[in-house]
């Protein structure tokens, strides 16, 4: 059996980076035990300015955390660490403005105007992180990338274009830019990359990074499901690779979208919630008893008020209202 191809860069990137909206850990990162629950980590107060740091934790062996020493220890006395259970500082050179977790891989992006503004780490068997040439052959790409490695986008104006957002699915990725639209890479078996499906296409070692076209107006947000993609335009319409979504969303101006697995949500400018897709765990039970719903429906939520944001999980959904009250 052939061994998987793993990328471990010869040099590490240094200095800190930023993920918008995240708090940073205090000097003491050890858990503070409580008698009535599990460990609690003390974060900085609301008034402290962000220090542009990113922390990662979870399953390590795909390289998705971007910490090579957890997978390949730099000392013979250390053993590989399968799980990183507490937040671990990730070192990179740039201030990161967007991050996305896929199934065993991670994308991070900076709004810098430098040529390199996108990095990937983790599982790459479907080229969801782009092509990363091996040391042995310029025709082969690494199956696993153990630390943040640059992804070269086919930009026409690389010194003027910024990356606004990244999103990741099971084995594909989306990159939203401010001037050159949306790019997709990775597995396209279901057309999730917005290009024609090629029968028996080999995704491993692919150089394909596709610039998506055909949207009615400029895309302002992207969201990857497991094997599908959603796009929100500046006019408030929602598209799916890139056919416009209908159902109860027809004529509705949407302000935010979310997707995970096979379930999707949209929040309108009026503060209403719409959902479609998988409902095996009763995510959409307010309007259907079926396990699948193939058209968007308005989801009536009593006592939640005007919504501003929704989030899909694997088996549950959550919403945030205008008063910053969270509901599950």
C-alpha atoms as a PDB file:
ATOM      1  CA  UNK A   1       0.000   0.000   0.000  1.00  0.00           C
ATOM      2  CA  UNK A   2       1.404   3.385  -0.977  1.00  0.00           C
ATOM      3  CA  UNK A   3       2.120   5.797   1.845  1.00  0.00           C
ATOM      4  CA  UNK A   4       0.315   9.155   1.794  1.00  0.00           C
ATOM      5  CA  UNK A   5       2.327  12.129   0.657  1.00  0.00           C
ATOM      6  CA  UNK A   6       2.888  14.658   3.448  1.00  0.00           C
ATOM      7  CA  UNK A   7       4.157  18.208   3.169  1.00  0.00           C
ATOM      8  CA  UNK A   8       6.346  19.603   5.930  1.00  0.00           C
ATOM      9  CA  UNK A   9       7.871  22.921   4.937  1.00  0.00           C
ATOM     10  CA  UNK A  10      11.533  23.497   5.681  1.00  0.00           C
ATOM     11  CA  UNK A  11      10.896  26.842   7.356  1.00  0.00           C
ATOM     12  CA  UNK A  12       8.192  28.046   9.701  1.00  0.00           C
ATOM     13  CA  UNK A  13       6.280  31.291   9.326  1.00  0.00           C
ATOM     14  CA  UNK A  14       6.632  33.645  12.284  1.00  0.00           C
ATOM     15  CA  UNK A  15       4.778  36.325  14.191  1.00  0.00           C
ATOM     16  CA  UNK A  16       1.124  36.560  15.066  1.00  0.00           C
ATOM     17  CA  UNK A  17      -2.110  36.750  13.082  1.00  0.00           C
ATOM     18  CA  UNK A  18      -5.694  37.845  13.546  1.00  0.00           C
ATOM     19  CA  UNK A  19      -9.103  36.266  13.257  1.00  0.00           C
ATOM     20  CA  UNK A  20     -11.820  38.886  13.410  1.00  0.00           C
ATOM     21  CA  UNK A  21     -14.216  38.712  16.325  1.00  0.00           C
ATOM     22  CA  UNK A  22     -12.199  36.249  18.395  1.00  0.00           C
ATOM     23  CA  UNK A  23     -10.978  36.941  21.912  1.00  0.00           C
ATOM     24  CA  UNK A  24      -7.458  36.000  22.912  1.00  0.00           C
ATOM     25  CA  UNK A  25      -6.324  33.875  25.784  1.00  0.00           C
ATOM     26  CA  UNK A  26      -4.917  35.463  28.903  1.00  0.00           C
ATOM     27  CA  UNK A  27      -1.358  34.751  29.998  1.00  0.00           C
ATOM     28  CA  UNK A  28      -2.480  31.721  31.914  1.00  0.00           C
ATOM     29  CA  UNK A  29      -3.972  29.276  29.425  1.00  0.00           C
ATOM     30  CA  UNK A  30      -4.511  26.438  31.863  1.00  0.00           C
ATOM     31  CA  UNK A  31      -8.121  25.430  32.561  1.00  0.00           C
ATOM     32  CA  UNK A  32      -9.814  26.726  35.676  1.00  0.00           C
ATOM     33  CA  UNK A  33     -11.701  23.817  37.229  1.00  0.00           C
ATOM     34  CA  UNK A  34     -15.282  24.222  38.342  1.00  0.00           C
ATOM     35  CA  UNK A  35     -17.192  21.781  40.462  1.00  0.00           C
ATOM     36  CA  UNK A  36     -20.345  21.866  38.338  1.00  0.00           C
ATOM     37  CA  UNK A  37     -18.866  21.544  34.838  1.00  0.00           C
ATOM     38  CA  UNK A  38     -15.763  20.819  32.792  1.00  0.00           C
ATOM     39  CA  UNK A  39     -12.710  23.045  32.335  1.00  0.00           C
ATOM     40  CA  UNK A  40     -13.283  26.757  31.696  1.00  0.00           C
ATOM     41  CA  UNK A  41     -10.660  28.903  29.946  1.00  0.00           C
ATOM     42  CA  UNK A  42     -10.287  32.503  31.024  1.00  0.00           C
ATOM     43  CA  UNK A  43     -10.416  34.932  28.083  1.00  0.00           C
ATOM     44  CA  UNK A  44      -9.598  38.624  28.062  1.00  0.00           C
ATOM     45  CA  UNK A  45     -12.201  41.258  28.866  1.00  0.00           C
ATOM     46  CA  UNK A  46     -14.446  43.006  26.359  1.00  0.00           C
ATOM     47  CA  UNK A  47     -12.508  46.283  26.477  1.00  0.00           C
ATOM     48  CA  UNK A  48      -9.100  44.805  25.675  1.00  0.00           C
ATOM     49  CA  UNK A  49      -7.906  45.421  22.125  1.00  0.00           C
ATOM     50  CA  UNK A  50      -7.350  42.326  19.946  1.00  0.00           C
ATOM     51  CA  UNK A  51      -3.739  41.175  19.742  1.00  0.00           C
ATOM     52  CA  UNK A  52      -4.111  39.440  16.369  1.00  0.00           C
ATOM     53  CA  UNK A  53      -3.565  35.871  17.548  1.00  0.00           C
ATOM     54  CA  UNK A  54      -5.172  32.631  16.397  1.00  0.00           C
ATOM     55  CA  UNK A  55      -5.600  29.497  18.458  1.00  0.00           C
ATOM     56  CA  UNK A  56      -6.327  25.992  17.147  1.00  0.00           C
ATOM     57  CA  UNK A  57      -7.383  22.744  18.776  1.00  0.00           C
ATOM     58  CA  UNK A  58      -8.914  19.366  17.907  1.00  0.00           C
ATOM     59  CA  UNK A  59      -7.786  16.393  15.801  1.00  0.00           C
ATOM     60  CA  UNK A  60      -4.185  16.819  14.655  1.00  0.00           C
ATOM     61  CA  UNK A  61      -3.230  13.907  12.397  1.00  0.00           C
ATOM     62  CA  UNK A  62      -4.493  15.433   9.121  1.00  0.00           C
ATOM     63  CA  UNK A  63      -2.364  18.529   9.739  1.00  0.00           C
ATOM     64  CA  UNK A  64      -5.452  20.761   9.828  1.00  0.00           C
ATOM     65  CA  UNK A  65      -4.217  22.612  12.929  1.00  0.00           C
ATOM     66  CA  UNK A  66      -1.067  23.741  11.118  1.00  0.00           C
ATOM     67  CA  UNK A  67       1.274  22.686  13.955  1.00  0.00           C
ATOM     68  CA  UNK A  68       3.771  20.164  12.473  1.00  0.00           C
ATOM     69  CA  UNK A  69       5.334  19.260  15.817  1.00  0.00           C
ATOM     70  CA  UNK A  70       2.027  17.753  16.979  1.00  0.00           C
ATOM     71  CA  UNK A  71       2.109  15.256  14.097  1.00  0.00           C
ATOM     72  CA  UNK A  72       5.871  14.847  13.586  1.00  0.00           C
ATOM     73  CA  UNK A  73       7.590  15.655  16.899  1.00  0.00           C
ATOM     74  CA  UNK A  74      10.879  17.536  16.570  1.00  0.00           C
ATOM     75  CA  UNK A  75      12.371  15.490  19.386  1.00  0.00           C
ATOM     76  CA  UNK A  76      12.790  11.732  19.648  1.00  0.00           C
ATOM     77  CA  UNK A  77      11.553  11.825  23.222  1.00  0.00           C
ATOM     78  CA  UNK A  78       8.172  13.267  22.235  1.00  0.00           C
ATOM     79  CA  UNK A  79       5.275  11.268  20.848  1.00  0.00           C
ATOM     80  CA  UNK A  80       2.776  12.436  18.218  1.00  0.00           C
ATOM     81  CA  UNK A  81      -0.271  14.052  19.806  1.00  0.00           C
ATOM     82  CA  UNK A  82      -3.495  12.823  18.228  1.00  0.00           C
ATOM     83  CA  UNK A  83      -5.735  15.382  19.904  1.00  0.00           C
ATOM     84  CA  UNK A  84      -5.001  18.945  20.958  1.00  0.00           C
ATOM     85  CA  UNK A  85      -7.629  19.470  23.635  1.00  0.00           C
ATOM     86  CA  UNK A  86      -6.835  23.070  24.577  1.00  0.00           C
ATOM     87  CA  UNK A  87      -6.292  26.196  22.439  1.00  0.00           C
ATOM     88  CA  UNK A  88      -2.792  26.240  20.909  1.00  0.00           C
ATOM     89  CA  UNK A  89      -1.197  29.372  19.449  1.00  0.00           C
ATOM     90  CA  UNK A  90      -0.727  29.258  15.669  1.00  0.00           C
ATOM     91  CA  UNK A  91       2.243  31.209  14.338  1.00  0.00           C
ATOM     92  CA  UNK A  92       1.988  32.986  10.964  1.00  0.00           C
ATOM     93  CA  UNK A  93       3.437  36.138   9.486  1.00  0.00           C
ATOM     94  CA  UNK A  94       0.228  37.842   8.359  1.00  0.00           C
ATOM     95  CA  UNK A  95      -2.886  39.222  10.045  1.00  0.00           C
ATOM     96  CA  UNK A  96      -5.627  36.754   9.181  1.00  0.00           C
ATOM     97  CA  UNK A  97      -9.099  38.120   8.473  1.00  0.00           C
ATOM     98  CA  UNK A  98     -10.946  34.914   7.522  1.00  0.00           C
ATOM     99  CA  UNK A  99     -10.598  31.238   8.439  1.00  0.00           C
ATOM    100  CA  UNK A 100     -12.575  28.135   7.471  1.00  0.00           C
ATOM    101  CA  UNK A 101     -12.524  24.548   8.727  1.00  0.00           C
ATOM    102  CA  UNK A 102     -13.273  21.774   6.237  1.00  0.00           C
ATOM    103  CA  UNK A 103     -13.332  18.024   6.757  1.00  0.00           C
ATOM    104  CA  UNK A 104      -9.733  17.559   7.884  1.00  0.00           C
ATOM    105  CA  UNK A 105      -8.315  20.775   6.412  1.00  0.00           C
ATOM    106  CA  UNK A 106      -8.189  24.503   7.101  1.00  0.00           C
ATOM    107  CA  UNK A 107      -7.984  27.653   4.979  1.00  0.00           C
ATOM    108  CA  UNK A 108      -6.839  31.020   6.326  1.00  0.00           C
ATOM    109  CA  UNK A 109      -6.728  34.313   4.442  1.00  0.00           C
ATOM    110  CA  UNK A 110      -5.464  37.847   4.901  1.00  0.00           C
ATOM    111  CA  UNK A 111      -6.838  41.038   3.377  1.00  0.00           C
ATOM    112  CA  UNK A 112      -3.305  42.069   2.498  1.00  0.00           C
ATOM    113  CA  UNK A 113      -2.503  43.235  -1.032  1.00  0.00           C
ATOM    114  CA  UNK A 114       0.672  41.144  -1.070  1.00  0.00           C
ATOM    115  CA  UNK A 115       0.897  38.429  -3.726  1.00  0.00           C
ATOM    116  CA  UNK A 116       0.440  35.698  -1.110  1.00  0.00           C
ATOM    117  CA  UNK A 117      -2.839  36.180   0.776  1.00  0.00           C
ATOM    118  CA  UNK A 118      -4.210  32.631   1.163  1.00  0.00           C
ATOM    119  CA  UNK A 119      -2.808  29.625   3.043  1.00  0.00           C
ATOM    120  CA  UNK A 120      -3.956  26.033   3.476  1.00  0.00           C
ATOM    121  CA  UNK A 121      -3.131  23.200   5.835  1.00  0.00           C
ATOM    122  CA  UNK A 122      -4.336  19.648   6.374  1.00  0.00           C
ATOM    123  CA  UNK A 123      -5.903  17.049   4.104  1.00  0.00           C
ATOM    124  CA  UNK A 124      -5.371  17.777   0.401  1.00  0.00           C
ATOM    125  CA  UNK A 125      -6.245  14.559  -1.442  1.00  0.00           C
ATOM    126  CA  UNK A 126      -8.813  16.379  -3.605  1.00  0.00           C
ATOM    127  CA  UNK A 127      -6.661  19.497  -4.092  1.00  0.00           C
ATOM    128  CA  UNK A 128      -9.006  21.439  -1.837  1.00  0.00           C
ATOM    129  CA  UNK A 129      -5.898  23.382  -0.786  1.00  0.00           C
ATOM    130  CA  UNK A 130      -4.597  23.743  -4.329  1.00  0.00           C
ATOM    131  CA  UNK A 131      -1.470  22.176  -5.815  1.00  0.00           C
ATOM    132  CA  UNK A 132       1.500  21.821  -3.458  1.00  0.00           C
ATOM    133  CA  UNK A 133       4.466  20.433  -5.357  1.00  0.00           C
ATOM    134  CA  UNK A 134       6.438  17.649  -3.689  1.00  0.00           C
ATOM    135  CA  UNK A 135      10.207  17.741  -3.324  1.00  0.00           C
ATOM    136  CA  UNK A 136      10.554  14.609  -5.470  1.00  0.00           C
ATOM    137  CA  UNK A 137       8.449  15.597  -8.487  1.00  0.00           C
ATOM    138  CA  UNK A 138       7.006  18.807  -9.873  1.00  0.00           C
ATOM    139  CA  UNK A 139       4.055  16.767 -11.175  1.00  0.00           C
ATOM    140  CA  UNK A 140       2.951  15.435  -7.776  1.00  0.00           C
ATOM    141  CA  UNK A 141       1.183  17.265  -4.983  1.00  0.00           C
ATOM    142  CA  UNK A 142       1.239  16.600  -1.251  1.00  0.00           C
ATOM    143  CA  UNK A 143      -1.767  14.708   0.142  1.00  0.00           C
ATOM    144  CA  UNK A 144      -1.270  16.295   3.565  1.00  0.00           C
ATOM    145  CA  UNK A 145       0.052  19.784   4.309  1.00  0.00           C
ATOM    146  CA  UNK A 146       1.229  20.050   7.904  1.00  0.00           C
ATOM    147  CA  UNK A 147       1.666  23.799   8.270  1.00  0.00           C
ATOM    148  CA  UNK A 148       0.177  26.952   6.699  1.00  0.00           C
ATOM    149  CA  UNK A 149       1.363  26.878   3.083  1.00  0.00           C
ATOM    150  CA  UNK A 150       0.688  29.517   0.403  1.00  0.00           C
ATOM    151  CA  UNK A 151      -2.064  28.923  -2.145  1.00  0.00           C
ATOM    152  CA  UNK A 152      -1.496  30.818  -5.394  1.00  0.00           C
ATOM    153  CA  UNK A 153      -4.744  32.239  -6.773  1.00  0.00           C
ATOM    154  CA  UNK A 154      -4.958  32.978 -10.527  1.00  0.00           C
ATOM    155  CA  UNK A 155      -5.591  36.682  -9.964  1.00  0.00           C
ATOM    156  CA  UNK A 156      -5.367  39.208 -12.788  1.00  0.00           C
ATOM    157  CA  UNK A 157      -4.362  41.968 -10.362  1.00  0.00           C
ATOM    158  CA  UNK A 158      -2.710  40.203  -7.397  1.00  0.00           C
ATOM    159  CA  UNK A 159      -1.322  43.423  -5.908  1.00  0.00           C
ATOM    160  CA  UNK A 160      -4.726  45.121  -5.908  1.00  0.00           C
ATOM    161  CA  UNK A 161      -7.153  42.309  -5.084  1.00  0.00           C
ATOM    162  CA  UNK A 162      -7.984  41.332  -1.503  1.00  0.00           C
ATOM    163  CA  UNK A 163      -9.422  38.069  -0.191  1.00  0.00           C
ATOM    164  CA  UNK A 164     -12.556  38.855   1.815  1.00  0.00           C
ATOM    165  CA  UNK A 165     -13.705  35.411   2.930  1.00  0.00           C
ATOM    166  CA  UNK A 166     -12.948  31.695   2.689  1.00  0.00           C
ATOM    167  CA  UNK A 167     -15.298  28.746   3.192  1.00  0.00           C
ATOM    168  CA  UNK A 168     -14.702  24.983   3.177  1.00  0.00           C
ATOM    169  CA  UNK A 169     -16.893  21.913   2.661  1.00  0.00           C
ATOM    170  CA  UNK A 170     -16.153  18.201   2.780  1.00  0.00           C
ATOM    171  CA  UNK A 171     -13.543  18.333   0.030  1.00  0.00           C
ATOM    172  CA  UNK A 172     -13.931  21.679  -1.755  1.00  0.00           C
ATOM    173  CA  UNK A 173     -13.157  25.307  -0.964  1.00  0.00           C
ATOM    174  CA  UNK A 174     -14.447  28.753  -1.934  1.00  0.00           C
ATOM    175  CA  UNK A 175     -12.521  32.024  -1.910  1.00  0.00           C
ATOM    176  CA  UNK A 176     -14.323  35.385  -2.161  1.00  0.00           C
ATOM    177  CA  UNK A 177     -12.345  38.419  -3.361  1.00  0.00           C
ATOM    178  CA  UNK A 178     -13.228  42.099  -3.512  1.00  0.00           C
ATOM    179  CA  UNK A 179     -12.421  42.703  -7.193  1.00  0.00           C
ATOM    180  CA  UNK A 180     -12.199  39.352  -8.997  1.00  0.00           C
ATOM    181  CA  UNK A 181     -15.210  37.423  -7.773  1.00  0.00           C
ATOM    182  CA  UNK A 182     -15.288  33.894  -6.371  1.00  0.00           C
ATOM    183  CA  UNK A 183     -12.755  31.113  -6.883  1.00  0.00           C
ATOM    184  CA  UNK A 184     -13.354  27.415  -6.192  1.00  0.00           C
ATOM    185  CA  UNK A 185     -11.038  24.426  -5.893  1.00  0.00           C
ATOM    186  CA  UNK A 186     -11.230  20.780  -4.912  1.00  0.00           C
ATOM    187  CA  UNK A 187     -13.774  18.040  -5.548  1.00  0.00           C
ATOM    188  CA  UNK A 188     -16.477  18.859  -8.111  1.00  0.00           C
ATOM    189  CA  UNK A 189     -18.291  15.517  -8.271  1.00  0.00           C
ATOM    190  CA  UNK A 190     -21.641  17.245  -7.618  1.00  0.00           C
ATOM    191  CA  UNK A 191     -20.868  20.530  -9.369  1.00  0.00           C
ATOM    192  CA  UNK A 192     -20.139  22.251  -6.056  1.00  0.00           C
ATOM    193  CA  UNK A 193     -17.236  24.158  -7.614  1.00  0.00           C
ATOM    194  CA  UNK A 194     -19.562  25.785 -10.135  1.00  0.00           C
ATOM    195  CA  UNK A 195     -18.050  24.194 -13.238  1.00  0.00           C
ATOM    196  CA  UNK A 196     -19.131  21.291 -15.482  1.00  0.00           C
ATOM    197  CA  UNK A 197     -18.843  17.831 -13.934  1.00  0.00           C
ATOM    198  CA  UNK A 198     -16.145  15.736 -15.621  1.00  0.00           C
ATOM    199  CA  UNK A 199     -16.753  11.998 -15.402  1.00  0.00           C
ATOM    200  CA  UNK A 200     -13.919  10.119 -13.642  1.00  0.00           C
ATOM    201  CA  UNK A 201     -12.042  13.383 -13.034  1.00  0.00           C
ATOM    202  CA  UNK A 202      -8.894  12.904 -10.944  1.00  0.00           C
ATOM    203  CA  UNK A 203      -8.799  15.578  -8.254  1.00  0.00           C
ATOM    204  CA  UNK A 204      -5.566  14.585  -6.553  1.00  0.00           C
ATOM    205  CA  UNK A 205      -2.701  16.739  -7.793  1.00  0.00           C
ATOM    206  CA  UNK A 206      -5.030  19.042  -9.730  1.00  0.00           C
ATOM    207  CA  UNK A 207      -3.938  22.556 -10.685  1.00  0.00           C
ATOM    208  CA  UNK A 208      -7.539  23.667 -11.290  1.00  0.00           C
ATOM    209  CA  UNK A 209      -8.663  26.801  -9.459  1.00  0.00           C
ATOM    210  CA  UNK A 210     -11.899  27.894 -11.100  1.00  0.00           C
ATOM    211  CA  UNK A 211     -13.141  31.466 -11.289  1.00  0.00           C
ATOM    212  CA  UNK A 212     -16.920  31.315 -11.027  1.00  0.00           C
ATOM    213  CA  UNK A 213     -19.161  33.370 -13.304  1.00  0.00           C
ATOM    214  CA  UNK A 214     -22.839  33.882 -14.044  1.00  0.00           C
ATOM    215  CA  UNK A 215     -24.008  35.678 -10.901  1.00  0.00           C
ATOM    216  CA  UNK A 216     -26.670  38.354 -11.277  1.00  0.00           C
ATOM    217  CA  UNK A 217     -24.642  40.807  -9.166  1.00  0.00           C
ATOM    218  CA  UNK A 218     -21.519  40.997  -7.008  1.00  0.00           C
ATOM    219  CA  UNK A 219     -21.172  38.186  -4.448  1.00  0.00           C
ATOM    220  CA  UNK A 220     -20.817  39.389  -0.835  1.00  0.00           C
ATOM    221  CA  UNK A 221     -20.781  36.085   1.079  1.00  0.00           C
ATOM    222  CA  UNK A 222     -20.043  32.411   0.345  1.00  0.00           C
ATOM    223  CA  UNK A 223     -20.959  29.301   2.333  1.00  0.00           C
ATOM    224  CA  UNK A 224     -19.929  25.693   1.741  1.00  0.00           C
ATOM    225  CA  UNK A 225     -22.136  22.794   2.711  1.00  0.00           C
ATOM    226  CA  UNK A 226     -20.863  19.243   2.613  1.00  0.00           C
ATOM    227  CA  UNK A 227     -21.051  18.914  -1.177  1.00  0.00           C
ATOM    228  CA  UNK A 228     -22.790  22.120  -2.240  1.00  0.00           C
ATOM    229  CA  UNK A 229     -22.093  25.854  -2.287  1.00  0.00           C
ATOM    230  CA  UNK A 230     -24.202  28.918  -1.507  1.00  0.00           C
ATOM    231  CA  UNK A 231     -23.628  32.504  -2.601  1.00  0.00           C
ATOM    232  CA  UNK A 232     -25.204  35.732  -1.367  1.00  0.00           C
ATOM    233  CA  UNK A 233     -25.157  38.730  -3.702  1.00  0.00           C
ATOM    234  CA  UNK A 234     -25.262  42.447  -2.931  1.00  0.00           C
ATOM    235  CA  UNK A 235     -28.897  42.565  -4.067  1.00  0.00           C
ATOM    236  CA  UNK A 236     -29.848  40.017  -1.396  1.00  0.00           C
ATOM    237  CA  UNK A 237     -30.405  37.012  -3.665  1.00  0.00           C
ATOM    238  CA  UNK A 238     -29.119  33.526  -2.804  1.00  0.00           C
ATOM    239  CA  UNK A 239     -27.605  31.305  -5.476  1.00  0.00           C
ATOM    240  CA  UNK A 240     -26.442  27.703  -5.456  1.00  0.00           C
ATOM    241  CA  UNK A 241     -23.557  27.059  -7.873  1.00  0.00           C
ATOM    242  CA  UNK A 242     -24.742  29.542  -9.290  1.00  0.00           C
ATOM    243  CA  UNK A 243     -28.473  28.884  -9.929  1.00  0.00           C
ATOM    244  CA  UNK A 244     -30.720  31.248  -7.986  1.00  0.00           C
ATOM    245  CA  UNK A 245     -32.543  29.628  -5.059  1.00  0.00           C
ATOM    246  CA  UNK A 246     -36.359  29.864  -5.148  1.00  0.00           C
ATOM    247  CA  UNK A 247     -39.097  28.605  -2.833  1.00  0.00           C
ATOM    248  CA  UNK A 248     -40.122  31.003  -0.076  1.00  0.00           C
ATOM    249  CA  UNK A 249     -36.901  32.954  -0.722  1.00  0.00           C
ATOM    250  CA  UNK A 250     -38.160  34.187  -4.085  1.00  0.00           C
ATOM    251  CA  UNK A 251     -38.281  37.979  -3.889  1.00  0.00           C
ATOM    252  CA  UNK A 252     -36.851  38.051  -0.345  1.00  0.00           C
ATOM    253  CA  UNK A 253     -33.800  40.206   0.362  1.00  0.00           C
ATOM    254  CA  UNK A 254     -31.324  38.108   2.359  1.00  0.00           C
ATOM    255  CA  UNK A 255     -28.580  39.509   4.604  1.00  0.00           C
ATOM    256  CA  UNK A 256     -26.765  36.342   5.771  1.00  0.00           C
ATOM    257  CA  UNK A 257     -26.419  32.653   4.841  1.00  0.00           C
ATOM    258  CA  UNK A 258     -25.067  29.569   6.580  1.00  0.00           C
ATOM    259  CA  UNK A 259     -24.642  25.914   5.668  1.00  0.00           C
ATOM    260  CA  UNK A 260     -23.194  22.766   7.181  1.00  0.00           C
ATOM    261  CA  UNK A 261     -23.569  19.198   5.979  1.00  0.00           C
ATOM    262  CA  UNK A 262     -26.747  19.154   3.894  1.00  0.00           C
ATOM    263  CA  UNK A 263     -28.678  21.803   5.837  1.00  0.00           C
ATOM    264  CA  UNK A 264     -28.825  25.475   4.828  1.00  0.00           C
ATOM    265  CA  UNK A 265     -30.182  28.638   6.454  1.00  0.00           C
ATOM    266  CA  UNK A 266     -30.777  32.215   5.325  1.00  0.00           C
ATOM    267  CA  UNK A 267     -31.661  35.315   7.356  1.00  0.00           C
ATOM    268  CA  UNK A 268     -33.635  38.030   5.580  1.00  0.00           C
ATOM    269  CA  UNK A 269     -33.195  41.783   5.944  1.00  0.00           C
ATOM    270  CA  UNK A 270     -36.542  41.730   7.765  1.00  0.00           C
ATOM    271  CA  UNK A 271     -35.108  39.365  10.376  1.00  0.00           C
ATOM    272  CA  UNK A 272     -36.907  36.183   9.301  1.00  0.00           C
ATOM    273  CA  UNK A 273     -35.288  32.742   9.088  1.00  0.00           C
ATOM    274  CA  UNK A 274     -35.492  30.408   6.083  1.00  0.00           C
ATOM    275  CA  UNK A 275     -34.244  26.836   5.903  1.00  0.00           C
ATOM    276  CA  UNK A 276     -33.946  23.909   3.519  1.00  0.00           C
ATOM    277  CA  UNK A 277     -32.096  20.634   3.050  1.00  0.00           C
ATOM    278  CA  UNK A 278     -31.478  17.985   5.696  1.00  0.00           C
ATOM    279  CA  UNK A 279     -33.767  17.736   8.730  1.00  0.00           C
ATOM    280  CA  UNK A 280     -32.840  14.311  10.105  1.00  0.00           C
ATOM    281  CA  UNK A 281     -32.235  15.881  13.504  1.00  0.00           C
ATOM    282  CA  UNK A 282     -35.389  18.031  13.256  1.00  0.00           C
ATOM    283  CA  UNK A 283     -33.507  21.190  12.350  1.00  0.00           C
ATOM    284  CA  UNK A 284     -36.494  22.213  10.196  1.00  0.00           C
ATOM    285  CA  UNK A 285     -39.210  20.591  12.329  1.00  0.00           C
ATOM    286  CA  UNK A 286     -41.145  23.860  12.654  1.00  0.00           C
ATOM    287  CA  UNK A 287     -42.404  23.386   9.082  1.00  0.00           C
ATOM    288  CA  UNK A 288     -41.917  19.697   8.196  1.00  0.00           C
ATOM    289  CA  UNK A 289     -41.787  16.198   9.648  1.00  0.00           C
ATOM    290  CA  UNK A 290     -39.824  14.969   6.631  1.00  0.00           C
ATOM    291  CA  UNK A 291     -36.082  14.340   6.832  1.00  0.00           C
ATOM    292  CA  UNK A 292     -35.399  16.312   3.638  1.00  0.00           C
ATOM    293  CA  UNK A 293     -36.817  19.557   2.281  1.00  0.00           C
ATOM    294  CA  UNK A 294     -35.629  20.557  -1.171  1.00  0.00           C
ATOM    295  CA  UNK A 295     -37.053  24.086  -1.269  1.00  0.00           C
ATOM    296  CA  UNK A 296     -36.512  27.010   1.138  1.00  0.00           C
ATOM    297  CA  UNK A 297     -39.299  27.567   3.659  1.00  0.00           C
ATOM    298  CA  UNK A 298     -39.802  30.348   6.176  1.00  0.00           C
ATOM    299  CA  UNK A 299     -39.243  28.948   9.674  1.00  0.00           C
ATOM    300  CA  UNK A 300     -41.573  30.551  12.257  1.00  0.00           C
ATOM    301  CA  UNK A 301     -39.709  31.102  15.528  1.00  0.00           C
ATOM    302  CA  UNK A 302     -41.780  32.284  18.463  1.00  0.00           C
ATOM    303  CA  UNK A 303     -40.222  34.651  20.965  1.00  0.00           C
ATOM    304  CA  UNK A 304     -36.931  35.089  19.115  1.00  0.00           C
ATOM    305  CA  UNK A 305     -37.543  38.587  17.779  1.00  0.00           C
ATOM    306  CA  UNK A 306     -35.781  40.028  14.758  1.00  0.00           C
ATOM    307  CA  UNK A 307     -32.873  37.810  13.721  1.00  0.00           C
ATOM    308  CA  UNK A 308     -29.515  39.053  12.442  1.00  0.00           C
ATOM    309  CA  UNK A 309     -27.545  35.819  12.106  1.00  0.00           C
ATOM    310  CA  UNK A 310     -27.980  32.039  11.886  1.00  0.00           C
ATOM    311  CA  UNK A 311     -25.524  29.154  12.107  1.00  0.00           C
ATOM    312  CA  UNK A 312     -25.770  25.520  10.988  1.00  0.00           C
ATOM    313  CA  UNK A 313     -24.151  22.699  12.911  1.00  0.00           C
ATOM    314  CA  UNK A 314     -24.026  19.032  12.017  1.00  0.00           C
ATOM    315  CA  UNK A 315     -27.178  18.199  13.988  1.00  0.00           C
ATOM    316  CA  UNK A 316     -28.475  21.554  15.224  1.00  0.00           C
ATOM    317  CA  UNK A 317     -28.905  25.206  14.318  1.00  0.00           C
ATOM    318  CA  UNK A 318     -28.546  28.449  16.276  1.00  0.00           C
ATOM    319  CA  UNK A 319     -29.771  32.007  15.748  1.00  0.00           C
ATOM    320  CA  UNK A 320     -28.814  35.430  17.085  1.00  0.00           C
ATOM    321  CA  UNK A 321     -31.343  38.248  17.384  1.00  0.00           C
ATOM    322  CA  UNK A 322     -30.925  42.014  17.289  1.00  0.00           C
ATOM    323  CA  UNK A 323     -30.676  42.118  21.096  1.00  0.00           C
ATOM    324  CA  UNK A 324     -27.731  39.656  21.030  1.00  0.00           C
ATOM    325  CA  UNK A 325     -29.860  36.878  22.518  1.00  0.00           C
ATOM    326  CA  UNK A 326     -28.813  33.420  21.314  1.00  0.00           C
ATOM    327  CA  UNK A 327     -31.262  30.576  20.719  1.00  0.00           C
ATOM    328  CA  UNK A 328     -30.693  26.921  19.858  1.00  0.00           C
END
